[in-house]
N, C-alpha and C. Protein backbone atom coordinates (compact mmCIF):
# COMPACT_ATOMS: atom_id res chain seq x y z
N MET A 1 105.74 115.99 85.74
CA MET A 1 105.62 116.93 84.63
C MET A 1 105.40 116.16 83.35
N ALA A 2 104.74 116.76 82.38
CA ALA A 2 104.45 116.09 81.13
C ALA A 2 105.69 116.05 80.26
N ASP A 3 105.82 115.00 79.46
CA ASP A 3 106.93 114.86 78.54
C ASP A 3 106.84 115.96 77.49
N PRO A 4 107.90 116.78 77.28
CA PRO A 4 107.84 117.86 76.32
C PRO A 4 107.90 117.41 74.88
N VAL A 5 108.35 116.17 74.64
CA VAL A 5 108.43 115.68 73.27
C VAL A 5 107.04 115.40 72.76
N PRO A 6 106.85 115.35 71.42
CA PRO A 6 105.52 115.08 70.88
C PRO A 6 104.94 113.81 71.47
N ALA A 7 103.66 113.87 71.76
CA ALA A 7 102.99 112.73 72.40
C ALA A 7 102.93 111.54 71.46
N ASN A 8 103.00 110.36 72.02
CA ASN A 8 102.85 109.14 71.25
C ASN A 8 101.38 108.94 70.91
N PHE A 9 101.12 108.13 69.93
CA PHE A 9 99.74 107.82 69.58
C PHE A 9 99.56 106.32 69.56
N LEU A 10 98.47 105.85 70.13
CA LEU A 10 98.12 104.44 70.10
C LEU A 10 96.79 104.28 69.40
N LEU A 11 96.64 103.20 68.67
CA LEU A 11 95.37 102.92 68.01
C LEU A 11 94.57 101.98 68.88
N TRP A 12 93.32 102.34 69.11
CA TRP A 12 92.42 101.54 69.95
C TRP A 12 91.28 101.04 69.07
N ALA A 13 91.07 99.73 69.05
CA ALA A 13 89.98 99.15 68.25
C ALA A 13 88.75 98.98 69.10
N ALA A 14 87.62 99.46 68.62
CA ALA A 14 86.36 99.31 69.34
C ALA A 14 85.66 98.05 68.86
N ALA A 15 85.28 97.19 69.77
CA ALA A 15 84.62 95.93 69.41
C ALA A 15 83.15 96.19 69.14
N LEU A 16 82.70 95.84 67.94
CA LEU A 16 81.31 96.05 67.57
C LEU A 16 80.67 94.71 67.24
N PRO A 17 79.38 94.51 67.60
CA PRO A 17 78.70 93.25 67.31
C PRO A 17 78.35 93.13 65.84
N CYS A 18 78.44 91.96 65.30
CA CYS A 18 78.08 91.71 63.90
C CYS A 18 77.24 90.44 63.85
N ARG A 19 76.08 90.50 63.19
CA ARG A 19 75.19 89.35 63.16
C ARG A 19 75.48 88.51 61.92
N VAL A 20 75.74 87.24 62.12
CA VAL A 20 76.03 86.32 61.03
C VAL A 20 75.21 85.06 61.24
N ASP A 21 74.34 84.74 60.27
CA ASP A 21 73.51 83.53 60.33
C ASP A 21 72.78 83.41 61.66
N GLY A 22 72.22 84.51 62.13
CA GLY A 22 71.43 84.46 63.35
C GLY A 22 72.25 84.50 64.62
N ALA A 23 73.56 84.40 64.53
CA ALA A 23 74.41 84.43 65.72
C ALA A 23 75.12 85.78 65.79
N VAL A 24 75.54 86.13 66.96
CA VAL A 24 76.24 87.40 67.13
C VAL A 24 77.70 87.12 67.45
N ARG A 25 78.58 87.72 66.69
CA ARG A 25 80.00 87.60 66.99
C ARG A 25 80.58 89.00 67.09
N VAL A 26 81.70 89.12 67.77
CA VAL A 26 82.31 90.42 67.99
C VAL A 26 83.49 90.60 67.05
N VAL A 27 83.52 91.73 66.34
CA VAL A 27 84.62 92.01 65.43
C VAL A 27 85.16 93.40 65.73
N ALA A 28 86.44 93.59 65.53
CA ALA A 28 87.04 94.92 65.69
C ALA A 28 86.91 95.64 64.36
N SER A 29 86.00 96.60 64.30
CA SER A 29 85.73 97.23 63.02
C SER A 29 85.85 98.75 63.06
N LYS A 30 86.13 99.30 64.25
CA LYS A 30 86.23 100.75 64.35
C LYS A 30 87.50 101.09 65.11
N THR A 31 88.29 101.95 64.57
CA THR A 31 89.57 102.30 65.18
C THR A 31 89.64 103.80 65.42
N ARG A 32 90.15 104.20 66.59
CA ARG A 32 90.32 105.62 66.88
C ARG A 32 91.67 105.83 67.55
N ARG A 33 92.16 107.05 67.46
CA ARG A 33 93.46 107.38 68.04
C ARG A 33 93.27 107.87 69.48
N ARG A 34 94.16 107.45 70.34
CA ARG A 34 94.15 107.95 71.72
C ARG A 34 95.55 108.50 72.02
N THR A 35 95.60 109.78 72.38
CA THR A 35 96.87 110.42 72.67
C THR A 35 97.38 109.96 74.03
N ILE A 36 98.65 109.63 74.08
CA ILE A 36 99.28 109.17 75.31
C ILE A 36 100.29 110.22 75.77
N MET A 37 100.15 110.67 77.01
CA MET A 37 101.06 111.65 77.58
C MET A 37 101.97 110.97 78.60
N ASN A 38 103.24 111.34 78.60
CA ASN A 38 104.20 110.78 79.55
C ASN A 38 104.43 111.76 80.70
N TYR A 39 104.37 111.24 81.93
CA TYR A 39 104.57 112.06 83.13
C TYR A 39 105.64 111.43 84.00
N THR A 40 106.48 112.26 84.58
CA THR A 40 107.51 111.81 85.51
C THR A 40 107.19 112.36 86.89
N LEU A 41 106.82 111.46 87.80
CA LEU A 41 106.40 111.85 89.14
C LEU A 41 107.07 110.94 90.18
N THR A 42 107.02 111.37 91.43
CA THR A 42 107.53 110.52 92.50
C THR A 42 106.59 109.35 92.71
N LEU A 43 107.07 108.30 93.36
CA LEU A 43 106.23 107.14 93.63
C LEU A 43 105.03 107.53 94.48
N THR A 44 105.26 108.41 95.45
CA THR A 44 104.16 108.87 96.30
C THR A 44 103.08 109.54 95.47
N ARG A 45 103.49 110.40 94.53
CA ARG A 45 102.52 111.08 93.68
C ARG A 45 101.75 110.09 92.83
N TRP A 46 102.44 109.08 92.31
CA TRP A 46 101.75 108.10 91.47
C TRP A 46 100.71 107.32 92.26
N HIS A 47 101.01 107.02 93.51
CA HIS A 47 100.01 106.36 94.36
C HIS A 47 98.76 107.23 94.48
N LYS A 48 98.95 108.52 94.67
CA LYS A 48 97.82 109.44 94.80
C LYS A 48 97.07 109.58 93.49
N VAL A 49 97.80 109.58 92.38
CA VAL A 49 97.15 109.66 91.06
C VAL A 49 96.24 108.45 90.84
N ALA A 50 96.75 107.26 91.17
CA ALA A 50 95.94 106.05 91.02
C ALA A 50 94.69 106.11 91.89
N GLN A 51 94.83 106.59 93.11
CA GLN A 51 93.67 106.72 94.00
C GLN A 51 92.66 107.72 93.44
N ARG A 52 93.17 108.82 92.88
CA ARG A 52 92.30 109.85 92.33
C ARG A 52 91.53 109.32 91.12
N ILE A 53 92.21 108.59 90.27
CA ILE A 53 91.55 108.01 89.09
C ILE A 53 90.47 107.04 89.53
N ASN A 54 90.80 106.17 90.48
CA ASN A 54 89.82 105.18 90.95
C ASN A 54 88.58 105.86 91.52
N ALA A 55 88.76 106.92 92.27
CA ALA A 55 87.61 107.63 92.85
C ALA A 55 86.74 108.23 91.75
N ALA A 56 87.37 108.81 90.73
CA ALA A 56 86.61 109.39 89.62
C ALA A 56 85.89 108.32 88.82
N LEU A 57 86.55 107.18 88.62
CA LEU A 57 85.93 106.09 87.86
C LEU A 57 84.72 105.53 88.58
N LYS A 58 84.81 105.43 89.89
CA LYS A 58 83.69 104.89 90.67
C LYS A 58 82.43 105.73 90.45
N GLU A 59 82.59 107.04 90.46
CA GLU A 59 81.44 107.93 90.24
C GLU A 59 80.91 107.80 88.82
N ARG A 60 81.81 107.74 87.84
CA ARG A 60 81.38 107.60 86.45
C ARG A 60 80.72 106.25 86.20
N GLU A 61 81.22 105.20 86.83
CA GLU A 61 80.61 103.88 86.66
C GLU A 61 79.15 103.90 87.11
N ALA A 62 78.90 104.55 88.24
CA ALA A 62 77.52 104.64 88.74
C ALA A 62 76.65 105.41 87.75
N ASN A 63 77.19 106.48 87.17
CA ASN A 63 76.42 107.28 86.22
C ASN A 63 76.12 106.50 84.94
N VAL A 64 77.10 105.72 84.48
CA VAL A 64 76.90 104.93 83.26
C VAL A 64 75.84 103.86 83.50
N LYS A 65 75.91 103.19 84.64
CA LYS A 65 74.90 102.16 84.95
C LYS A 65 73.51 102.77 84.98
N THR A 66 73.40 103.95 85.60
CA THR A 66 72.10 104.62 85.67
C THR A 66 71.61 105.01 84.29
N ALA A 67 72.52 105.55 83.47
CA ALA A 67 72.13 106.00 82.13
C ALA A 67 71.62 104.86 81.27
N PHE A 68 72.27 103.71 81.35
CA PHE A 68 71.91 102.60 80.47
C PHE A 68 70.89 101.63 81.07
N THR A 69 70.60 101.76 82.36
CA THR A 69 69.67 100.80 82.97
C THR A 69 68.54 101.43 83.77
N ALA A 70 68.64 102.71 84.10
CA ALA A 70 67.62 103.29 84.98
C ALA A 70 67.23 104.70 84.58
N THR A 71 67.23 104.99 83.28
CA THR A 71 66.78 106.30 82.81
C THR A 71 65.26 106.27 82.68
N ALA A 72 64.58 107.00 83.53
CA ALA A 72 63.11 106.97 83.55
C ALA A 72 62.54 108.33 83.13
N ILE A 73 61.36 108.31 82.53
CA ILE A 73 60.68 109.53 82.12
C ILE A 73 59.21 109.44 82.52
N SER A 74 58.55 110.59 82.54
CA SER A 74 57.11 110.60 82.79
C SER A 74 56.39 110.27 81.48
N PRO A 75 55.35 109.46 81.52
CA PRO A 75 54.64 109.05 80.30
C PRO A 75 54.14 110.22 79.48
N TRP A 76 53.81 111.35 80.12
CA TRP A 76 53.27 112.49 79.39
C TRP A 76 54.36 113.44 78.88
N ASN A 77 55.60 113.17 79.24
CA ASN A 77 56.70 114.03 78.81
C ASN A 77 57.36 113.44 77.57
N LYS A 78 56.73 113.62 76.42
CA LYS A 78 57.21 112.99 75.19
C LYS A 78 57.96 113.94 74.27
N GLU A 79 57.91 115.22 74.56
CA GLU A 79 58.53 116.21 73.69
C GLU A 79 60.06 116.08 73.69
N GLY A 80 60.61 115.88 72.52
CA GLY A 80 62.06 115.82 72.36
C GLY A 80 62.72 114.63 73.04
N ILE A 81 61.95 113.56 73.27
CA ILE A 81 62.50 112.43 74.01
C ILE A 81 63.63 111.73 73.25
N GLU A 82 63.50 111.70 71.89
CA GLU A 82 64.55 111.04 71.11
C GLU A 82 65.88 111.76 71.26
N GLU A 83 65.83 113.09 71.21
CA GLU A 83 67.07 113.87 71.35
C GLU A 83 67.66 113.71 72.75
N LYS A 84 66.79 113.74 73.76
CA LYS A 84 67.27 113.58 75.14
C LYS A 84 67.91 112.21 75.35
N ALA A 85 67.25 111.17 74.82
CA ALA A 85 67.78 109.82 74.96
C ALA A 85 69.13 109.69 74.26
N ALA A 86 69.22 110.29 73.06
CA ALA A 86 70.48 110.23 72.31
C ALA A 86 71.59 110.95 73.06
N ASP A 87 71.26 112.09 73.68
CA ASP A 87 72.26 112.85 74.44
C ASP A 87 72.72 112.07 75.66
N ILE A 88 71.78 111.44 76.36
CA ILE A 88 72.13 110.63 77.53
C ILE A 88 73.04 109.48 77.13
N ALA A 89 72.68 108.80 76.02
CA ALA A 89 73.47 107.66 75.56
C ALA A 89 74.86 108.11 75.12
N ARG A 90 74.93 109.28 74.45
CA ARG A 90 76.22 109.78 73.99
C ARG A 90 77.15 110.09 75.16
N ARG A 91 76.62 110.79 76.16
CA ARG A 91 77.44 111.15 77.32
C ARG A 91 77.86 109.91 78.11
N ALA A 92 76.95 108.93 78.18
CA ALA A 92 77.29 107.69 78.88
C ALA A 92 78.37 106.92 78.14
N ALA A 93 78.29 106.93 76.79
CA ALA A 93 79.30 106.24 75.99
C ALA A 93 80.67 106.92 76.16
N GLU A 94 80.68 108.25 76.23
CA GLU A 94 81.93 108.97 76.46
C GLU A 94 82.52 108.61 77.83
N SER A 95 81.65 108.55 78.82
CA SER A 95 82.11 108.17 80.16
C SER A 95 82.63 106.74 80.18
N LEU A 96 81.96 105.87 79.43
CA LEU A 96 82.39 104.47 79.36
C LEU A 96 83.80 104.37 78.78
N ALA A 97 84.07 105.17 77.74
CA ALA A 97 85.40 105.16 77.14
C ALA A 97 86.45 105.65 78.14
N ILE A 98 86.11 106.67 78.91
CA ILE A 98 87.04 107.18 79.92
C ILE A 98 87.27 106.14 81.02
N ILE A 99 86.20 105.44 81.40
CA ILE A 99 86.33 104.39 82.42
C ILE A 99 87.28 103.30 81.95
N GLU A 100 87.12 102.89 80.69
CA GLU A 100 87.99 101.85 80.14
C GLU A 100 89.45 102.32 80.13
N ALA A 101 89.66 103.56 79.66
CA ALA A 101 91.02 104.10 79.63
C ALA A 101 91.58 104.28 81.04
N GLY A 102 90.73 104.73 81.96
CA GLY A 102 91.16 104.93 83.33
C GLY A 102 91.56 103.63 84.01
N ALA A 103 90.78 102.58 83.77
CA ALA A 103 91.10 101.28 84.36
C ALA A 103 92.45 100.77 83.86
N LEU A 104 92.70 100.96 82.57
CA LEU A 104 93.99 100.56 82.01
C LEU A 104 95.12 101.40 82.60
N ALA A 105 94.86 102.69 82.79
CA ALA A 105 95.88 103.57 83.36
C ALA A 105 96.23 103.17 84.78
N VAL A 106 95.22 102.86 85.59
CA VAL A 106 95.47 102.44 86.97
C VAL A 106 96.28 101.15 87.00
N ALA A 107 95.92 100.22 86.11
CA ALA A 107 96.66 98.95 86.04
C ALA A 107 98.12 99.20 85.67
N ALA A 108 98.34 100.10 84.70
CA ALA A 108 99.71 100.41 84.28
C ALA A 108 100.50 101.08 85.40
N ILE A 109 99.86 101.99 86.12
CA ILE A 109 100.52 102.68 87.24
C ILE A 109 100.90 101.68 88.32
N ARG A 110 99.96 100.81 88.67
CA ARG A 110 100.23 99.84 89.72
C ARG A 110 101.33 98.86 89.32
N ALA A 111 101.32 98.46 88.06
CA ALA A 111 102.36 97.54 87.59
C ALA A 111 103.73 98.21 87.64
N ALA A 112 103.80 99.46 87.19
CA ALA A 112 105.08 100.19 87.22
C ALA A 112 105.56 100.40 88.65
N LEU A 113 104.63 100.72 89.54
CA LEU A 113 105.00 100.91 90.95
C LEU A 113 105.49 99.61 91.57
N ALA A 114 104.84 98.50 91.21
CA ALA A 114 105.24 97.21 91.76
C ALA A 114 106.67 96.86 91.35
N VAL A 115 106.99 97.12 90.07
CA VAL A 115 108.34 96.84 89.58
C VAL A 115 109.37 97.71 90.30
N LYS A 116 109.05 99.00 90.41
CA LYS A 116 109.99 99.93 91.06
C LYS A 116 110.12 99.62 92.55
N ASN A 117 109.00 99.28 93.18
CA ASN A 117 109.05 98.92 94.60
C ASN A 117 109.97 97.73 94.84
N ALA A 118 109.87 96.74 93.94
CA ALA A 118 110.72 95.56 94.07
C ALA A 118 112.19 95.93 93.87
N GLN A 119 112.46 96.78 92.90
CA GLN A 119 113.84 97.20 92.64
C GLN A 119 114.44 97.95 93.83
N LEU A 120 113.62 98.78 94.46
CA LEU A 120 114.11 99.61 95.58
C LEU A 120 114.04 98.89 96.92
N GLY A 121 113.38 97.74 96.95
CA GLY A 121 113.25 97.01 98.21
C GLY A 121 112.15 97.53 99.11
N ILE A 122 111.21 98.30 98.53
CA ILE A 122 110.12 98.85 99.34
C ILE A 122 109.19 97.75 99.84
N ALA A 123 108.88 96.81 98.96
CA ALA A 123 107.96 95.74 99.35
C ALA A 123 108.52 94.95 100.53
N GLY A 124 109.81 94.66 100.48
CA GLY A 124 110.44 93.93 101.58
C GLY A 124 110.41 94.71 102.88
N ARG A 125 110.66 96.00 102.78
CA ARG A 125 110.62 96.84 103.99
C ARG A 125 109.20 96.92 104.56
N LEU A 126 108.21 97.01 103.69
CA LEU A 126 106.82 97.04 104.17
C LEU A 126 106.48 95.76 104.91
N ALA A 127 106.97 94.63 104.39
CA ALA A 127 106.73 93.35 105.06
C ALA A 127 107.40 93.34 106.44
N GLU A 128 108.60 93.91 106.51
CA GLU A 128 109.30 93.98 107.80
C GLU A 128 108.56 94.88 108.79
N VAL A 129 108.01 95.98 108.28
CA VAL A 129 107.23 96.89 109.15
C VAL A 129 106.01 96.16 109.70
N GLU A 130 105.33 95.43 108.84
CA GLU A 130 104.14 94.69 109.28
C GLU A 130 104.51 93.68 110.37
N ALA A 131 105.62 92.97 110.17
CA ALA A 131 106.06 91.98 111.16
C ALA A 131 106.44 92.66 112.48
N ALA A 132 107.16 93.78 112.38
CA ALA A 132 107.57 94.50 113.60
C ALA A 132 106.35 95.02 114.36
N ASN A 133 105.39 95.56 113.63
CA ASN A 133 104.18 96.07 114.28
C ASN A 133 103.37 94.95 114.93
N ARG A 134 103.39 93.79 114.30
CA ARG A 134 102.65 92.65 114.87
C ARG A 134 103.29 92.21 116.19
N ARG A 135 104.61 92.12 116.19
CA ARG A 135 105.29 91.73 117.43
C ARG A 135 105.08 92.79 118.51
N ALA A 136 105.20 94.05 118.12
CA ALA A 136 105.04 95.14 119.08
C ALA A 136 103.64 95.14 119.68
N ALA A 137 102.64 94.86 118.86
CA ALA A 137 101.25 94.84 119.35
C ALA A 137 101.06 93.75 120.40
N LEU A 138 101.69 92.60 120.18
CA LEU A 138 101.57 91.51 121.15
C LEU A 138 102.27 91.87 122.46
N TYR A 139 103.49 92.41 122.34
CA TYR A 139 104.21 92.81 123.56
C TYR A 139 103.40 93.83 124.36
N LYS A 140 102.85 94.82 123.67
CA LYS A 140 102.09 95.87 124.35
C LYS A 140 100.83 95.32 125.01
N ALA A 141 100.18 94.36 124.33
CA ALA A 141 98.97 93.76 124.90
C ALA A 141 99.27 93.04 126.21
N VAL A 142 100.39 92.32 126.24
CA VAL A 142 100.78 91.60 127.47
C VAL A 142 101.14 92.59 128.57
N ILE A 143 101.91 93.61 128.22
CA ILE A 143 102.33 94.61 129.22
C ILE A 143 101.12 95.36 129.77
N ASP A 144 100.26 95.84 128.88
CA ASP A 144 99.09 96.61 129.31
C ASP A 144 98.06 95.74 130.03
N GLY A 145 98.15 94.43 129.80
CA GLY A 145 97.17 93.53 130.41
C GLY A 145 97.46 93.19 131.86
N GLN A 146 98.60 93.63 132.36
CA GLN A 146 98.92 93.38 133.77
C GLN A 146 98.07 94.29 134.66
N LYS A 147 97.44 93.69 135.69
CA LYS A 147 96.55 94.44 136.58
C LYS A 147 97.07 94.40 138.03
N PRO A 148 96.76 95.46 138.78
CA PRO A 148 97.24 95.51 140.17
C PRO A 148 96.72 94.37 141.04
N ASP A 149 95.52 93.84 140.71
CA ASP A 149 94.94 92.80 141.57
C ASP A 149 95.39 91.39 141.17
N MET A 150 96.32 91.27 140.25
CA MET A 150 96.84 89.95 139.90
C MET A 150 97.65 89.39 141.06
N VAL A 151 97.61 88.07 141.18
CA VAL A 151 98.31 87.41 142.28
C VAL A 151 99.39 86.49 141.72
N GLN A 152 100.59 86.62 142.24
CA GLN A 152 101.66 85.74 141.83
C GLN A 152 101.41 84.33 142.37
N PRO A 153 101.76 83.30 141.59
CA PRO A 153 101.46 81.93 142.00
C PRO A 153 101.95 81.58 143.41
N GLU A 154 103.13 82.07 143.78
CA GLU A 154 103.69 81.72 145.10
C GLU A 154 102.94 82.39 146.25
N ASN A 155 102.08 83.34 145.93
CA ASN A 155 101.33 84.04 146.98
C ASN A 155 99.89 83.57 147.13
N VAL A 156 99.50 82.62 146.28
CA VAL A 156 98.11 82.16 146.33
C VAL A 156 97.78 81.52 147.68
N ARG A 157 98.70 80.73 148.24
CA ARG A 157 98.43 80.05 149.51
C ARG A 157 98.27 81.03 150.66
N ALA A 158 98.80 82.22 150.50
CA ALA A 158 98.73 83.20 151.58
C ALA A 158 97.49 84.09 151.50
N LEU A 159 96.60 83.81 150.55
CA LEU A 159 95.39 84.64 150.42
C LEU A 159 94.53 84.51 151.67
N PRO A 160 93.95 85.61 152.16
CA PRO A 160 93.11 85.55 153.37
C PRO A 160 91.84 84.74 153.15
N GLY A 161 91.35 84.15 154.20
CA GLY A 161 90.18 83.30 154.11
C GLY A 161 88.92 84.04 153.73
N GLU A 162 88.87 85.36 154.00
CA GLU A 162 87.64 86.10 153.68
C GLU A 162 87.40 86.22 152.17
N LEU A 163 88.38 85.80 151.35
CA LEU A 163 88.13 85.78 149.91
C LEU A 163 87.14 84.69 149.55
N ILE A 164 86.86 83.79 150.49
CA ILE A 164 85.87 82.74 150.27
C ILE A 164 84.63 83.11 151.06
N GLY A 165 83.51 83.31 150.40
CA GLY A 165 82.29 83.76 151.07
C GLY A 165 81.18 82.75 151.00
N GLU A 166 80.08 83.09 151.65
CA GLU A 166 78.89 82.23 151.66
C GLU A 166 77.83 82.84 150.75
N SER A 167 77.15 82.02 149.98
CA SER A 167 76.03 82.49 149.17
C SER A 167 74.90 81.49 149.24
N GLU A 168 73.68 81.97 149.11
CA GLU A 168 72.51 81.10 149.18
C GLU A 168 72.07 80.70 147.79
N SER A 169 71.77 79.44 147.58
CA SER A 169 71.27 78.95 146.31
C SER A 169 70.15 77.96 146.59
N TRP A 170 68.89 78.39 146.28
CA TRP A 170 67.71 77.56 146.51
C TRP A 170 67.60 77.11 147.97
N GLY A 171 67.98 78.00 148.87
CA GLY A 171 67.80 77.69 150.29
C GLY A 171 68.93 76.91 150.90
N PHE A 172 69.87 76.48 150.08
CA PHE A 172 70.99 75.71 150.63
C PHE A 172 72.24 76.57 150.61
N ALA A 173 72.96 76.56 151.71
CA ALA A 173 74.21 77.32 151.77
C ALA A 173 75.29 76.57 151.02
N ARG A 174 76.04 77.30 150.24
CA ARG A 174 77.17 76.68 149.53
C ARG A 174 78.33 77.67 149.53
N ARG A 175 79.52 77.13 149.41
CA ARG A 175 80.71 77.96 149.43
C ARG A 175 81.02 78.42 148.00
N ALA A 176 81.21 79.71 147.82
CA ALA A 176 81.52 80.26 146.50
C ALA A 176 82.88 80.96 146.57
N ALA A 177 83.83 80.49 145.78
CA ALA A 177 85.18 81.06 145.80
C ALA A 177 85.26 82.25 144.84
N VAL A 178 85.94 83.30 145.28
CA VAL A 178 86.18 84.46 144.43
C VAL A 178 87.30 84.12 143.44
N ALA A 179 87.08 84.42 142.16
CA ALA A 179 88.10 84.12 141.15
C ALA A 179 89.32 85.01 141.36
N VAL A 180 90.47 84.43 141.19
CA VAL A 180 91.73 85.15 141.35
C VAL A 180 92.50 85.05 140.04
N THR A 181 92.99 86.19 139.55
CA THR A 181 93.77 86.20 138.31
C THR A 181 95.24 86.06 138.64
N LEU A 182 95.84 85.02 138.11
CA LEU A 182 97.26 84.77 138.36
C LEU A 182 98.13 85.69 137.51
N GLN A 183 99.22 86.12 138.07
CA GLN A 183 100.22 86.87 137.31
C GLN A 183 101.29 85.89 136.86
N THR A 184 101.09 85.35 135.65
CA THR A 184 102.00 84.33 135.14
C THR A 184 103.23 84.93 134.46
N ALA A 185 103.18 86.22 134.15
CA ALA A 185 104.35 86.90 133.57
C ALA A 185 105.15 87.52 134.71
N ASP A 186 106.37 87.03 134.91
CA ASP A 186 107.17 87.56 136.01
C ASP A 186 107.83 88.89 135.62
N ALA A 187 108.48 89.53 136.56
CA ALA A 187 109.07 90.85 136.34
C ALA A 187 110.14 90.83 135.26
N ALA A 188 110.91 89.75 135.22
CA ALA A 188 111.98 89.66 134.22
C ALA A 188 111.41 89.62 132.81
N LEU A 189 110.33 88.84 132.64
CA LEU A 189 109.70 88.76 131.32
C LEU A 189 109.12 90.11 130.92
N LEU A 190 108.44 90.77 131.84
CA LEU A 190 107.84 92.07 131.53
C LEU A 190 108.90 93.11 131.16
N ASP A 191 110.02 93.10 131.87
CA ASP A 191 111.11 94.02 131.53
C ASP A 191 111.64 93.72 130.13
N SER A 192 111.76 92.42 129.84
CA SER A 192 112.24 92.01 128.52
C SER A 192 111.26 92.44 127.42
N LEU A 193 109.96 92.30 127.69
CA LEU A 193 108.95 92.70 126.70
C LEU A 193 108.97 94.20 126.46
N ARG A 194 109.20 94.97 127.51
CA ARG A 194 109.28 96.43 127.35
C ARG A 194 110.46 96.82 126.46
N GLU A 195 111.58 96.14 126.66
CA GLU A 195 112.75 96.41 125.83
C GLU A 195 112.47 96.02 124.38
N ARG A 196 111.85 94.84 124.19
CA ARG A 196 111.54 94.39 122.84
C ARG A 196 110.52 95.30 122.16
N LEU A 197 109.55 95.78 122.95
CA LEU A 197 108.54 96.69 122.40
C LEU A 197 109.21 97.96 121.88
N ALA A 198 110.07 98.55 122.68
CA ALA A 198 110.76 99.77 122.26
C ALA A 198 111.62 99.51 121.02
N ARG A 199 112.26 98.35 120.98
CA ARG A 199 113.12 98.01 119.85
C ARG A 199 112.31 97.85 118.57
N GLU A 200 111.17 97.14 118.65
CA GLU A 200 110.35 96.92 117.46
C GLU A 200 109.70 98.22 116.98
N GLN A 201 109.28 99.07 117.91
CA GLN A 201 108.70 100.35 117.52
C GLN A 201 109.74 101.23 116.81
N ALA A 202 110.95 101.22 117.33
CA ALA A 202 112.02 102.00 116.70
C ALA A 202 112.35 101.44 115.32
N ARG A 203 112.34 100.12 115.22
CA ARG A 203 112.63 99.47 113.94
C ARG A 203 111.57 99.84 112.90
N ALA A 204 110.31 99.78 113.29
CA ALA A 204 109.22 100.12 112.37
C ALA A 204 109.33 101.57 111.92
N THR A 205 109.65 102.46 112.86
CA THR A 205 109.79 103.88 112.52
C THR A 205 110.93 104.10 111.54
N ARG A 206 112.05 103.44 111.79
CA ARG A 206 113.21 103.58 110.89
C ARG A 206 112.88 103.09 109.49
N LEU A 207 112.21 101.94 109.41
CA LEU A 207 111.86 101.38 108.10
C LEU A 207 110.88 102.29 107.36
N LEU A 208 109.92 102.85 108.09
CA LEU A 208 108.95 103.75 107.46
C LEU A 208 109.63 105.01 106.94
N ASP A 209 110.63 105.50 107.67
CA ASP A 209 111.40 106.65 107.19
C ASP A 209 112.16 106.30 105.91
N GLU A 210 112.73 105.11 105.88
CA GLU A 210 113.44 104.66 104.68
C GLU A 210 112.48 104.56 103.50
N ILE A 211 111.28 104.02 103.75
CA ILE A 211 110.28 103.89 102.69
C ILE A 211 109.86 105.26 102.18
N ALA A 212 109.68 106.21 103.10
CA ALA A 212 109.31 107.57 102.70
C ALA A 212 110.38 108.18 101.81
N ASP A 213 111.65 107.95 102.15
CA ASP A 213 112.74 108.46 101.32
C ASP A 213 112.74 107.81 99.94
N LEU A 214 112.54 106.50 99.91
CA LEU A 214 112.54 105.77 98.64
C LEU A 214 111.36 106.18 97.76
N ASN A 215 110.24 106.53 98.39
CA ASN A 215 109.06 106.93 97.62
C ASN A 215 109.23 108.29 96.95
N ARG A 216 110.35 108.97 97.22
CA ARG A 216 110.65 110.22 96.52
C ARG A 216 111.31 109.96 95.17
N GLU A 217 111.65 108.69 94.92
CA GLU A 217 112.18 108.33 93.60
C GLU A 217 111.13 108.63 92.54
N LYS A 218 111.58 108.99 91.34
CA LYS A 218 110.66 109.33 90.26
C LYS A 218 110.69 108.29 89.15
N ILE A 219 109.54 108.05 88.56
CA ILE A 219 109.45 107.18 87.40
C ILE A 219 108.53 107.82 86.37
N GLU A 220 108.72 107.44 85.13
CA GLU A 220 107.89 107.96 84.03
C GLU A 220 106.85 106.92 83.66
N ILE A 221 105.60 107.34 83.57
CA ILE A 221 104.50 106.45 83.19
C ILE A 221 103.64 107.16 82.16
N ALA A 222 103.18 106.43 81.16
CA ALA A 222 102.31 106.98 80.13
C ALA A 222 100.85 106.95 80.60
N VAL A 223 100.15 108.06 80.39
CA VAL A 223 98.75 108.18 80.79
C VAL A 223 97.94 108.67 79.59
N PRO A 224 96.82 108.00 79.25
CA PRO A 224 95.98 108.48 78.15
C PRO A 224 95.51 109.91 78.41
N GLN A 225 95.50 110.74 77.37
CA GLN A 225 95.17 112.15 77.55
C GLN A 225 93.77 112.35 78.11
N ASP A 226 92.82 111.46 77.75
CA ASP A 226 91.46 111.64 78.24
C ASP A 226 91.31 111.23 79.70
N VAL A 227 92.39 110.73 80.31
CA VAL A 227 92.37 110.40 81.73
C VAL A 227 93.11 111.46 82.55
N VAL A 228 93.86 112.32 81.84
CA VAL A 228 94.69 113.32 82.51
C VAL A 228 93.88 114.20 83.46
N ALA A 229 92.70 114.64 83.02
CA ALA A 229 91.90 115.55 83.84
C ALA A 229 91.46 114.91 85.15
N ILE A 230 90.91 113.68 85.07
CA ILE A 230 90.42 113.04 86.29
C ILE A 230 91.58 112.58 87.17
N ALA A 231 92.78 112.47 86.58
CA ALA A 231 93.96 112.08 87.36
C ALA A 231 94.56 113.28 88.08
N GLY A 232 94.09 114.48 87.74
CA GLY A 232 94.62 115.67 88.38
C GLY A 232 95.99 116.05 87.87
N LEU A 233 96.31 115.62 86.65
CA LEU A 233 97.61 115.92 86.05
C LEU A 233 97.48 117.13 85.12
N VAL A 234 98.58 117.80 84.89
CA VAL A 234 98.59 118.95 83.98
C VAL A 234 99.01 118.47 82.61
N GLY A 235 98.14 118.62 81.65
CA GLY A 235 98.43 118.13 80.32
C GLY A 235 99.39 119.01 79.55
């Protein structure tokens, strides 16, 4: 929800080029006010807000690039071209300002989330989930990789002779052995892996539930008013 108290105001200086002795230097010569709105949302909501802003900025960035680098006209369409060009440049400049404000807003949201995540221990839990899932994936790969035609090492000597056949190669008979896949994981190991797999999966689920609960925590973050609309927030 938006902060009910009067909004804060920040002054933003626009960098304008100034030519001095044939060289160009940048000076801050134009200042405008940008209204800042405060919102208190859950961590989950803030993640979605940042994603929403980024998606909107991506589209606007493409439009700005097109407006300033790829605006084409037909040679015979000269009527009102100055006004059209000025309108295109004006709208692109407005989008550019929103992109700049949006990028700063996303950075501020991510920084605030990082601090809160560290305070709540979310980052540590996420690392534990990743480790648990990695171990579980390995255990599952070994378990699922066991095949009915695998042969235990102690049974190799008892394989029937017909597993060795005759094949012709350039007119000469040669003996070709059929490949046999050894079962190097014994029953005890496989039982142990199944237990560990279940344990790691349960651990990951428990940690994810804890993270979901922690993400319901709320924090207040300031968002520029001209970014509120693309962020999907109510001003």
